[in-house]
Amino acid sequence: MTSNNNSNKKLILNAFEMGAIGHQNPGLWTHPRDTKTDGYKSIEYWTNLAKLLERGKFNAVFIADVLGGYDVYNGPGNLDAAIASAAQWPVNEPSAVVSAMAAVTKNLSFGLTFSTISEAPYHFARRLATLDHLTNGRVGWNIVSSYLDSASRNLLNGEPLLEHDERYVRASEYLDVVYDLFLSSWRDDAVVKDKERGVYAEPDRLRRINHKGKYFTVPGPGMTEPTPQRLPVILQAGASKKGTAFAARNAEVVFISSPTPVSLKAQIDSTKKLAKEEFGRDEGTIKFLQLITVIIGKTREDAEDKYRDYLKHGDLEGAQALFSGWTGIDIGKYGKDEELTEVESNAIRSSAQNWTKPAPGAPANLKRTREFLASKIVVGGLGPVILGTATEVADEIENWVNVSGVDGFNFCYSVTPGSFEDIVDYLVPELQSRGLFWDDYPESNDEKDSNLSFREQIFGTTRDDPKFLLPSHPAHKLRWTSEYSREEFDKYLEKINSS
């Protein structure tokens, strides 16, 4: 067992899922232990998963999404490899299962991926607010600007995907609209439910946001009353220069997929520094979660046998389709033994850099050929694989924490629900025995609501308003509190927007 330099830290544990047959594991739907082939479109699969994860005291399940097919590999528009291998195709809308999962759990939270090109921000804000109400504050929004050109062509009237950096300009404006609809449209005490007067909400406690920007014009007001968290938790996964700046300003949780603990530390430190120096955010106001796949056996040999067995079911064509979509590089143009070198990308730029140049702490002599990359992706996808006994896996997790300072992990599955069952039954007890993970969900301080909100799970329950944003978050000041009349709040917003 390694020594724990973060003895007081309780890790955040997320399950990484998707409304698809194959997520980060192309071809493994053919494995006899995997139930996803039919399960992904059944309510029972998702409710059973929710109950399993809550039994393991998981913080949340993070449901990924894409809005287009992986059609970069072997020529633009070619979906054949993705379709045949079920590599994130077909894929269902991520939020539809959340109400059912929330109904069978009390504390499990839900991180949901929604793209800023998927729909108008006005309609999206209503959908997100509805979910926060129905789950009693257990929802977070993973903001993506989309990286697949196929998504843009289908959603934006055939238009190609915006250039990488401009996508973040558009996403920033989209997010600002959502902030205003949630926080600046309804006063905290707008809903009075006065049956004597027949008044549900006071009209003078609502206001139009009157947003006019480069990409959006949204008068408002928002259609939904204030939600349990007032604003769902903001999550983000971008690691490019623009993506890091976006996260440093907005994110409460950042998802990272780094190949080594050393490179992970560099990413975390860079984002923290930017958040503090550019946006005035306090230490600890952003939590960082690393993507990993763990394969657990009774012995190390057993775990290695599992890994080799999984590899036999992996689909190398599907893996190359995913790689090409993630990076924007048509890997089919390279010879089988030809090494990929650093390239520019209009897709997930950080993924292209991670895969085509050595990361700090990684062996320098790895030859990044098509076959090497595909073999790494079929089990584990974008993240590293840790295998061994529960003790050995916990040792390595502890090492990642000690080296990088990471706050938690996003667990990808190889087969489902088997991978999650192994984590719940074997790894979680080992982490608990080391004091790295809580023994149970903390109690809520709210007498009216016994369940924890998503934000309370992440940041604790000791603040005066633990369900709301931390004070140094830039959107904290946008909340219309009861101390302001409509006219006073208008003047207040004018003042802070001009400063």
Protein backbone atom coordinates (compact mmCIF):
# COMPACT_ATOMS: atom_id res chain seq x y z
CA MET A 1 0.00 0.00 0.00
CA THR A 2 1.33 3.45 -0.86
CA SER A 3 1.34 6.21 1.73
CA ASN A 4 -1.56 8.60 1.45
CA ASN A 5 -0.53 12.25 1.34
CA ASN A 6 -4.17 13.31 0.98
CA SER A 7 -5.49 11.62 4.12
CA ASN A 8 -8.44 13.98 4.54
CA LYS A 9 -9.56 13.85 0.91
CA LYS A 10 -12.67 11.87 0.09
CA LEU A 11 -12.62 10.98 -3.58
CA ILE A 12 -15.49 11.75 -5.93
CA LEU A 13 -16.52 8.61 -7.81
CA ASN A 14 -18.53 8.80 -11.02
CA ALA A 15 -19.70 6.04 -13.33
CA PHE A 16 -19.14 6.94 -17.00
CA GLU A 17 -22.04 5.83 -19.18
CA MET A 18 -23.77 6.56 -22.46
CA GLY A 19 -27.14 5.78 -24.01
CA ALA A 20 -25.44 3.53 -26.54
CA ILE A 21 -24.44 -0.09 -27.03
CA GLY A 22 -20.75 0.75 -27.23
CA HIS A 23 -19.25 3.70 -25.38
CA GLN A 24 -15.45 3.73 -24.88
CA ASN A 25 -15.21 0.01 -25.64
CA PRO A 26 -15.90 -0.76 -29.32
CA GLY A 27 -16.81 -4.39 -29.88
CA LEU A 28 -17.14 -5.42 -26.23
CA TRP A 29 -20.91 -5.57 -26.56
CA THR A 30 -20.22 -9.04 -28.00
CA HIS A 31 -18.79 -10.24 -24.68
CA PRO A 32 -21.07 -12.70 -22.78
CA ARG A 33 -20.81 -10.59 -19.57
CA ASP A 34 -22.14 -7.46 -21.28
CA THR A 35 -25.89 -6.73 -21.17
CA LYS A 36 -25.86 -3.41 -23.00
CA THR A 37 -26.99 -4.69 -26.42
CA ASP A 38 -30.65 -4.66 -25.46
CA GLY A 39 -30.31 -3.01 -22.07
CA TYR A 40 -29.39 0.45 -23.31
CA LYS A 41 -32.95 1.01 -24.54
CA SER A 42 -34.74 -0.46 -21.51
CA ILE A 43 -35.74 1.41 -18.35
CA GLU A 44 -34.80 -1.63 -16.23
CA TYR A 45 -31.14 -1.48 -17.29
CA TRP A 46 -30.86 2.13 -16.15
CA THR A 47 -32.82 1.77 -12.91
CA ASN A 48 -30.83 -1.34 -11.95
CA LEU A 49 -27.61 0.52 -12.68
CA ALA A 50 -28.75 3.46 -10.53
CA LYS A 51 -29.52 1.17 -7.60
CA LEU A 52 -26.15 -0.58 -7.99
CA LEU A 53 -24.25 2.70 -7.99
CA GLU A 54 -26.15 4.03 -5.00
CA ARG A 55 -25.34 0.80 -3.15
CA GLY A 56 -21.69 1.62 -3.87
CA LYS A 57 -22.20 5.21 -2.59
CA PHE A 58 -21.19 6.68 -5.97
CA ASN A 59 -21.54 10.42 -6.25
CA ALA A 60 -22.99 10.39 -9.72
CA VAL A 61 -23.44 8.71 -13.03
CA PHE A 62 -22.14 10.81 -15.91
CA ILE A 63 -24.01 10.14 -19.15
CA ALA A 64 -22.04 11.15 -22.23
CA ASP A 65 -23.55 12.00 -25.60
CA VAL A 66 -22.75 12.79 -29.21
CA LEU A 67 -25.06 14.29 -31.82
CA GLY A 68 -23.52 12.79 -34.92
CA GLY A 69 -21.75 9.71 -36.19
CA TYR A 70 -18.02 9.00 -36.32
CA ASP A 71 -17.59 9.45 -40.05
CA VAL A 72 -13.97 10.67 -40.41
CA TYR A 73 -12.29 7.25 -40.70
CA ASN A 74 -11.66 6.06 -44.29
CA GLY A 75 -12.97 9.22 -45.88
CA PRO A 76 -15.39 12.04 -45.00
CA GLY A 77 -18.94 10.85 -44.39
CA ASN A 78 -18.03 7.17 -44.04
CA LEU A 79 -20.00 5.72 -41.13
CA ASP A 80 -19.46 2.05 -42.00
CA ALA A 81 -16.96 1.18 -39.25
CA ALA A 82 -18.98 2.94 -36.54
CA ILE A 83 -22.26 1.37 -37.65
CA ALA A 84 -20.90 -2.18 -37.92
CA SER A 85 -19.11 -2.09 -34.55
CA ALA A 86 -21.78 -0.06 -32.69
CA ALA A 87 -19.11 2.51 -31.82
CA GLN A 88 -21.34 5.14 -30.19
CA TRP A 89 -23.93 4.33 -32.84
CA PRO A 90 -26.85 4.01 -32.31
CA VAL A 91 -27.11 6.41 -29.38
CA ASN A 92 -30.16 7.58 -27.44
CA GLU A 93 -30.85 10.98 -25.89
CA PRO A 94 -29.17 11.05 -22.44
CA SER A 95 -31.72 12.74 -20.19
CA ALA A 96 -34.74 10.54 -20.91
CA VAL A 97 -33.74 7.89 -18.35
CA VAL A 98 -32.87 10.28 -15.53
CA SER A 99 -36.32 10.65 -13.95
CA ALA A 100 -36.65 6.87 -13.71
CA MET A 101 -33.17 6.55 -12.18
CA ALA A 102 -33.90 9.37 -9.73
CA ALA A 103 -37.15 7.68 -8.67
CA VAL A 104 -35.32 4.56 -7.43
CA THR A 105 -32.48 6.41 -5.65
CA LYS A 106 -32.13 9.08 -3.00
CA ASN A 107 -28.63 10.52 -3.31
CA LEU A 108 -27.14 9.45 -6.65
CA SER A 109 -26.65 12.46 -8.90
CA PHE A 110 -26.64 12.77 -12.69
CA GLY A 111 -24.16 14.57 -14.94
CA LEU A 112 -25.68 15.03 -18.39
CA THR A 113 -23.96 16.00 -21.61
CA PHE A 114 -25.76 18.61 -23.69
CA SER A 115 -24.17 20.41 -26.63
CA THR A 116 -24.48 24.13 -27.20
CA ILE A 117 -25.42 23.38 -30.82
CA SER A 118 -28.23 20.95 -29.92
CA GLU A 119 -31.05 23.46 -29.43
CA ALA A 120 -31.87 27.04 -28.58
CA PRO A 121 -30.67 28.06 -25.11
CA TYR A 122 -34.18 29.16 -24.11
CA HIS A 123 -35.63 25.70 -24.70
CA PHE A 124 -32.62 23.96 -23.22
CA ALA A 125 -32.80 26.00 -20.00
CA ARG A 126 -36.38 24.80 -19.52
CA ARG A 127 -35.37 21.14 -20.02
CA LEU A 128 -32.46 21.42 -17.60
CA ALA A 129 -34.53 23.23 -14.99
CA THR A 130 -37.24 20.58 -15.25
CA LEU A 131 -34.68 17.87 -14.52
CA ASP A 132 -33.34 19.78 -11.52
CA HIS A 133 -36.89 19.98 -10.16
CA LEU A 134 -37.75 16.34 -10.81
CA THR A 135 -34.52 15.04 -9.23
CA ASN A 136 -34.72 17.48 -6.31
CA GLY A 137 -31.42 19.09 -7.23
CA ARG A 138 -29.35 16.10 -8.35
CA VAL A 139 -28.44 17.29 -11.85
CA GLY A 140 -25.38 18.76 -13.50
CA TRP A 141 -24.76 19.94 -17.06
CA ASN A 142 -21.64 18.80 -18.89
CA ILE A 143 -21.17 21.57 -21.44
CA VAL A 144 -19.79 20.57 -24.83
CA SER A 145 -19.47 22.64 -27.97
CA SER A 146 -19.47 19.48 -30.17
CA TYR A 147 -16.51 18.15 -32.12
CA LEU A 148 -18.16 16.10 -34.88
CA ASP A 149 -18.78 17.81 -38.18
CA SER A 150 -21.57 15.29 -38.80
CA ALA A 151 -23.45 16.75 -35.82
CA SER A 152 -23.21 20.29 -37.16
CA ARG A 153 -24.33 19.28 -40.65
CA ASN A 154 -27.46 17.62 -39.26
CA LEU A 155 -28.33 20.21 -36.63
CA LEU A 156 -27.38 23.47 -38.31
CA ASN A 157 -28.94 23.12 -41.76
CA GLY A 158 -25.95 21.49 -43.37
CA GLU A 159 -23.44 24.04 -42.07
CA PRO A 160 -19.94 22.72 -41.29
CA LEU A 161 -18.64 22.77 -37.74
CA LEU A 162 -17.36 26.13 -36.59
CA GLU A 163 -13.61 26.46 -36.18
CA HIS A 164 -12.43 25.10 -32.81
CA ASP A 165 -11.83 28.38 -30.97
CA GLU A 166 -14.96 30.04 -32.37
CA ARG A 167 -17.04 27.16 -31.00
CA TYR A 168 -16.00 28.28 -27.53
CA VAL A 169 -16.98 31.87 -28.30
CA ARG A 170 -20.45 30.64 -29.23
CA ALA A 171 -20.60 28.27 -26.24
CA SER A 172 -19.66 31.10 -23.87
CA GLU A 173 -22.53 33.23 -25.10
CA TYR A 174 -24.90 30.25 -24.90
CA LEU A 175 -23.87 29.66 -21.29
CA ASP A 176 -24.31 33.32 -20.39
CA VAL A 177 -27.90 33.14 -21.69
CA VAL A 178 -28.53 30.05 -19.57
CA TYR A 179 -27.02 31.76 -16.51
CA ASP A 180 -29.38 34.71 -16.95
CA LEU A 181 -32.47 32.55 -17.51
CA PHE A 182 -31.78 30.53 -14.37
CA LEU A 183 -30.46 33.24 -12.06
CA SER A 184 -31.59 36.67 -13.24
CA SER A 185 -35.07 36.04 -14.57
CA TRP A 186 -36.98 35.00 -11.44
CA ARG A 187 -36.41 36.52 -8.03
CA ASP A 188 -35.74 33.95 -5.31
CA ASP A 189 -39.13 34.62 -3.71
CA ALA A 190 -41.16 35.09 -6.90
CA VAL A 191 -43.32 32.02 -6.20
CA VAL A 192 -45.74 32.81 -3.34
CA LYS A 193 -48.53 30.21 -3.85
CA ASP A 194 -51.06 32.60 -2.29
CA LYS A 195 -54.38 30.75 -2.53
CA GLU A 196 -56.29 33.54 -0.80
CA ARG A 197 -55.35 36.04 -3.51
CA GLY A 198 -55.16 33.44 -6.27
CA VAL A 199 -51.56 34.45 -7.04
CA TYR A 200 -49.01 31.74 -7.74
CA ALA A 201 -46.08 34.03 -8.62
CA GLU A 202 -45.69 37.79 -8.22
CA PRO A 203 -45.41 39.34 -11.71
CA ASP A 204 -43.09 42.11 -10.56
CA ARG A 205 -40.62 39.47 -9.36
CA LEU A 206 -39.95 38.29 -12.88
CA ARG A 207 -37.93 40.15 -15.48
CA ARG A 208 -36.86 39.80 -19.09
CA ILE A 209 -33.17 39.17 -19.63
CA ASN A 210 -33.16 40.95 -23.04
CA HIS A 211 -30.02 39.21 -24.29
CA LYS A 212 -28.73 40.40 -27.68
CA GLY A 213 -25.43 38.92 -28.77
CA LYS A 214 -23.46 37.65 -31.73
CA TYR A 215 -25.22 34.29 -31.89
CA PHE A 216 -28.38 34.59 -29.77
CA THR A 217 -31.24 36.98 -29.13
CA VAL A 218 -33.31 35.91 -26.11
CA PRO A 219 -35.79 38.34 -24.52
CA GLY A 220 -37.00 36.04 -21.71
CA PRO A 221 -38.14 35.70 -19.02
CA GLY A 222 -37.37 32.04 -18.36
CA MET A 223 -40.35 29.69 -18.26
CA THR A 224 -39.46 27.66 -15.15
CA GLU A 225 -39.52 28.77 -11.54
CA PRO A 226 -36.32 28.70 -9.43
CA THR A 227 -34.95 25.19 -9.08
CA PRO A 228 -33.59 23.40 -5.97
CA GLN A 229 -29.97 24.25 -6.83
CA ARG A 230 -30.95 27.56 -8.47
CA LEU A 231 -28.44 26.51 -11.15
CA PRO A 232 -27.47 22.88 -11.87
CA VAL A 233 -23.82 21.98 -11.37
CA ILE A 234 -21.60 23.09 -14.25
CA LEU A 235 -19.27 20.40 -15.63
CA GLN A 236 -16.85 20.62 -18.53
CA ALA A 237 -14.27 18.47 -20.30
CA GLY A 238 -12.30 20.72 -22.64
CA ALA A 239 -8.51 20.59 -22.24
CA SER A 240 -7.30 22.68 -25.19
CA LYS A 241 -6.15 26.24 -24.52
CA LYS A 242 -9.63 27.61 -25.19
CA GLY A 243 -11.28 24.72 -23.38
CA THR A 244 -9.11 25.24 -20.31
CA ALA A 245 -9.96 28.95 -20.22
CA PHE A 246 -13.66 28.11 -20.52
CA ALA A 247 -13.36 25.64 -17.64
CA ALA A 248 -11.32 28.03 -15.51
CA ARG A 249 -14.12 30.59 -15.73
CA ASN A 250 -17.19 28.37 -15.54
CA ALA A 251 -16.66 24.78 -14.47
CA GLU A 252 -17.32 23.40 -11.01
CA VAL A 253 -16.18 19.94 -12.11
CA VAL A 254 -13.62 19.31 -14.87
CA PHE A 255 -13.33 15.92 -16.55
CA ILE A 256 -9.80 15.08 -17.68
CA SER A 257 -8.43 12.18 -19.68
CA SER A 258 -4.68 12.28 -19.10
CA PRO A 259 -2.35 9.34 -19.83
CA THR A 260 -0.13 9.70 -16.73
CA PRO A 261 -0.36 11.15 -13.20
CA VAL A 262 2.43 13.60 -14.07
CA SER A 263 0.63 15.00 -17.11
CA LEU A 264 -2.60 15.09 -15.10
CA LYS A 265 -0.94 17.23 -12.43
CA ALA A 266 0.24 19.66 -15.10
CA GLN A 267 -3.31 20.03 -16.46
CA ILE A 268 -4.82 20.51 -13.02
CA ASP A 269 -2.21 23.05 -11.94
CA SER A 270 -2.59 25.01 -15.18
CA THR A 271 -6.37 25.26 -14.84
CA LYS A 272 -6.20 26.22 -11.17
CA LYS A 273 -3.65 28.94 -11.89
CA LEU A 274 -5.77 30.38 -14.69
CA ALA A 275 -8.94 30.22 -12.58
CA LYS A 276 -7.27 32.16 -9.78
CA GLU A 277 -5.32 34.74 -11.79
CA GLU A 278 -7.80 35.48 -14.58
CA PHE A 279 -11.17 34.90 -12.92
CA GLY A 280 -10.52 35.33 -9.21
CA ARG A 281 -11.77 31.87 -8.27
CA ASP A 282 -10.70 30.46 -4.93
CA GLU A 283 -8.71 27.26 -4.40
CA GLY A 284 -10.98 24.25 -4.17
CA THR A 285 -13.83 25.74 -6.22
CA ILE A 286 -13.09 23.40 -9.14
CA LYS A 287 -12.97 19.63 -8.72
CA PHE A 288 -10.99 17.51 -11.18
CA LEU A 289 -11.95 13.97 -12.19
CA GLN A 290 -9.73 11.63 -14.21
CA LEU A 291 -11.12 9.07 -16.68
CA ILE A 292 -9.94 5.52 -15.96
CA THR A 293 -10.91 1.93 -16.66
CA VAL A 294 -10.21 -0.61 -13.94
CA ILE A 295 -10.14 -4.38 -14.40
CA ILE A 296 -10.28 -6.22 -11.09
CA GLY A 297 -9.47 -9.88 -10.47
CA LYS A 298 -9.07 -12.14 -7.46
CA THR A 299 -5.37 -12.25 -8.41
CA ARG A 300 -3.30 -10.16 -10.80
CA GLU A 301 -3.20 -13.12 -13.18
CA ASP A 302 -6.99 -13.25 -13.10
CA ALA A 303 -7.18 -9.53 -13.97
CA GLU A 304 -4.68 -9.98 -16.81
CA ASP A 305 -6.73 -12.90 -18.15
CA LYS A 306 -9.83 -10.69 -18.09
CA TYR A 307 -7.99 -7.98 -20.01
CA ARG A 308 -6.79 -10.41 -22.68
CA ASP A 309 -10.31 -11.81 -22.94
CA TYR A 310 -11.75 -8.33 -23.43
CA LEU A 311 -9.18 -7.57 -26.11
CA LYS A 312 -10.38 -10.60 -28.10
CA HIS A 313 -13.82 -8.99 -28.33
CA GLY A 314 -12.54 -5.51 -29.16
CA ASP A 315 -13.25 -4.17 -32.63
CA LEU A 316 -10.17 -2.50 -34.12
CA GLU A 317 -12.14 -0.92 -36.96
CA GLY A 318 -14.55 0.62 -34.46
CA ALA A 319 -11.61 1.83 -32.39
CA GLN A 320 -10.14 3.59 -35.41
CA ALA A 321 -13.51 5.17 -36.17
CA LEU A 322 -13.62 6.57 -32.63
CA PHE A 323 -10.02 7.77 -32.78
CA SER A 324 -10.60 9.53 -36.08
CA GLY A 325 -13.74 11.23 -34.76
CA TRP A 326 -12.17 12.28 -31.47
CA THR A 327 -9.07 13.76 -33.08
CA GLY A 328 -10.32 14.83 -36.52
CA ILE A 329 -7.50 12.73 -38.04
CA ASP A 330 -8.45 10.13 -40.65
CA ILE A 331 -6.25 7.37 -39.32
CA GLY A 332 -7.10 5.31 -42.41
CA LYS A 333 -4.71 7.47 -44.44
CA TYR A 334 -1.72 6.14 -42.51
CA GLY A 335 0.11 2.92 -43.25
CA LYS A 336 -0.27 0.09 -40.76
CA ASP A 337 3.20 0.60 -39.28
CA GLU A 338 3.45 4.34 -39.92
CA GLU A 339 3.72 6.49 -36.81
CA LEU A 340 1.32 9.40 -36.31
CA THR A 341 2.99 12.71 -35.55
CA GLU A 342 1.63 15.85 -33.97
CA VAL A 343 -1.15 17.41 -36.04
CA GLU A 344 -3.62 20.26 -35.82
CA SER A 345 -7.24 19.27 -35.22
CA ASN A 346 -10.67 20.89 -35.40
CA ALA A 347 -12.18 18.14 -33.23
CA ILE A 348 -11.02 17.41 -29.67
CA ARG A 349 -7.68 19.17 -29.95
CA SER A 350 -6.36 17.89 -26.62
CA SER A 351 -7.08 14.30 -27.69
CA ALA A 352 -5.09 14.73 -30.87
CA GLN A 353 -2.15 16.04 -28.84
CA ASN A 354 -2.42 13.32 -26.18
CA TRP A 355 -2.35 10.54 -28.74
CA THR A 356 0.24 11.91 -31.16
CA LYS A 357 2.98 13.15 -28.87
CA PRO A 358 4.45 11.69 -25.66
CA ALA A 359 2.89 12.94 -22.43
CA PRO A 360 5.04 13.91 -19.42
CA GLY A 361 5.82 10.73 -17.52
CA ALA A 362 5.01 8.39 -20.44
CA PRO A 363 7.60 6.13 -22.08
CA ALA A 364 9.28 8.07 -24.88
CA ASN A 365 9.86 5.04 -27.10
CA LEU A 366 6.23 4.17 -27.78
CA LYS A 367 5.54 3.99 -31.50
CA ARG A 368 2.10 5.46 -32.14
CA THR A 369 0.94 3.39 -35.08
CA ARG A 370 -2.63 2.66 -36.15
CA GLU A 371 -2.51 -0.79 -34.61
CA PHE A 372 -1.05 0.45 -31.33
CA LEU A 373 -3.65 3.20 -30.98
CA ALA A 374 -6.58 0.95 -31.89
CA SER A 375 -5.47 -1.75 -29.44
CA LYS A 376 -5.32 0.83 -26.64
CA ILE A 377 -8.77 2.21 -27.42
CA VAL A 378 -10.76 -1.06 -27.52
CA VAL A 379 -10.42 -1.38 -23.74
CA GLY A 380 -10.35 1.95 -21.94
CA GLY A 381 -11.10 4.35 -24.77
CA LEU A 382 -9.55 7.74 -24.11
CA GLY A 383 -8.28 6.89 -20.63
CA PRO A 384 -5.64 4.65 -19.03
CA VAL A 385 -6.38 1.09 -17.87
CA ILE A 386 -5.48 -0.06 -14.35
CA LEU A 387 -5.67 -3.77 -13.63
CA GLY A 388 -4.96 -6.12 -10.76
CA THR A 389 -6.51 -7.11 -7.46
CA ALA A 390 -8.67 -4.57 -5.64
CA THR A 391 -5.65 -3.80 -3.44
CA GLU A 392 -3.35 -3.27 -6.43
CA VAL A 393 -5.88 -1.08 -8.23
CA ALA A 394 -6.42 0.99 -5.07
CA ASP A 395 -2.63 1.37 -4.75
CA GLU A 396 -2.44 2.81 -8.25
CA ILE A 397 -5.45 5.08 -7.68
CA GLU A 398 -3.79 6.35 -4.51
CA ASN A 399 -0.62 7.00 -6.47
CA TRP A 400 -2.55 9.06 -9.03
CA VAL A 401 -4.06 11.09 -6.19
CA ASN A 402 -0.72 11.66 -4.47
CA VAL A 403 1.13 12.65 -7.65
CA SER A 404 -1.55 14.77 -9.32
CA GLY A 405 -3.83 16.02 -6.54
CA VAL A 406 -6.86 14.82 -8.53
CA ASP A 407 -10.21 14.95 -6.70
CA GLY A 408 -11.80 11.81 -8.09
CA PHE A 409 -12.34 9.46 -10.98
CA ASN A 410 -14.73 8.85 -13.83
CA PHE A 411 -14.94 5.06 -14.13
CA CYS A 412 -15.40 3.71 -17.63
CA TYR A 413 -16.70 0.16 -18.01
CA SER A 414 -15.36 -2.68 -20.12
CA VAL A 415 -18.52 -4.75 -19.77
CA THR A 416 -21.67 -3.61 -18.05
CA PRO A 417 -22.91 -4.01 -15.42
CA GLY A 418 -20.02 -6.40 -14.58
CA SER A 419 -17.32 -3.72 -14.43
CA PHE A 420 -19.42 -1.54 -12.13
CA GLU A 421 -20.31 -4.55 -9.95
CA ASP A 422 -16.59 -5.28 -9.47
CA ILE A 423 -15.96 -1.66 -8.48
CA VAL A 424 -18.86 -1.60 -6.01
CA ASP A 425 -18.17 -5.01 -4.46
CA TYR A 426 -14.35 -4.98 -4.34
CA LEU A 427 -12.75 -1.60 -5.05
CA VAL A 428 -15.07 0.68 -3.08
CA PRO A 429 -14.58 -1.26 0.20
CA GLU A 430 -10.81 -1.09 -0.32
CA LEU A 431 -10.93 2.68 -0.88
CA GLN A 432 -13.17 3.07 2.17
CA SER A 433 -10.75 1.08 4.33
CA ARG A 434 -8.01 3.59 3.41
CA GLY A 435 -10.19 6.59 4.21
CA LEU A 436 -10.19 7.66 0.54
CA PHE A 437 -13.95 7.35 0.06
CA TRP A 438 -16.89 8.03 2.36
CA ASP A 439 -18.62 5.15 4.13
CA ASP A 440 -22.04 6.61 3.40
CA TYR A 441 -23.68 9.67 1.94
CA PRO A 442 -23.55 12.61 4.36
CA GLU A 443 -26.77 13.84 5.91
CA SER A 444 -28.35 16.95 4.45
CA ASN A 445 -28.63 20.00 6.69
CA ASP A 446 -31.93 20.91 5.08
CA GLU A 447 -34.84 19.80 7.28
CA LYS A 448 -37.24 19.88 4.32
CA ASP A 449 -35.03 17.87 1.92
CA SER A 450 -33.29 14.80 3.27
CA ASN A 451 -31.39 14.04 0.07
CA LEU A 452 -28.16 15.75 -0.90
CA SER A 453 -28.06 17.96 -3.95
CA PHE A 454 -25.32 17.35 -6.50
CA ARG A 455 -23.48 20.48 -5.41
CA GLU A 456 -23.65 19.48 -1.73
CA GLN A 457 -22.08 16.13 -2.59
CA ILE A 458 -19.18 17.85 -4.33
CA PHE A 459 -18.52 20.80 -2.04
CA GLY A 460 -20.08 19.79 1.29
CA THR A 461 -23.01 21.02 3.33
CA THR A 462 -21.45 23.52 5.71
CA ARG A 463 -22.09 26.78 3.83
CA ASP A 464 -25.10 29.04 4.47
CA ASP A 465 -26.52 28.11 1.07
CA PRO A 466 -24.78 24.81 0.20
CA LYS A 467 -26.97 24.02 -2.80
CA PHE A 468 -25.89 27.18 -4.63
CA LEU A 469 -22.71 28.21 -6.45
CA LEU A 470 -19.62 29.02 -4.42
CA PRO A 471 -19.15 32.79 -3.97
CA SER A 472 -16.11 33.18 -6.25
CA HIS A 473 -17.89 31.61 -9.24
CA PRO A 474 -18.58 34.38 -11.79
CA ALA A 475 -22.29 33.52 -12.02
CA HIS A 476 -22.79 33.77 -8.25
CA LYS A 477 -23.43 37.50 -8.49
CA LEU A 478 -26.14 37.08 -11.15
CA ARG A 479 -28.70 35.68 -8.70
CA TRP A 480 -31.77 37.87 -8.17
CA THR A 481 -32.25 37.81 -4.42
CA SER A 482 -35.18 39.17 -2.45
CA GLU A 483 -33.30 42.32 -1.39
CA TYR A 484 -33.71 43.87 -4.85
CA SER A 485 -36.83 45.15 -6.58
CA ARG A 486 -36.95 44.63 -10.34
CA GLU A 487 -35.77 48.17 -10.99
CA GLU A 488 -32.97 47.91 -8.42
CA PHE A 489 -31.80 44.60 -9.84
CA ASP A 490 -31.72 46.05 -13.36
CA LYS A 491 -29.43 48.81 -12.13
CA TYR A 492 -27.32 46.32 -10.17
CA LEU A 493 -26.77 44.20 -13.30
CA GLU A 494 -25.88 47.27 -15.36
CA LYS A 495 -23.28 48.16 -12.76
CA ILE A 496 -21.60 44.74 -12.57
CA ASN A 497 -21.70 44.27 -16.37
CA SER A 498 -19.94 47.58 -16.92
CA SER A 499 -17.27 46.94 -14.29
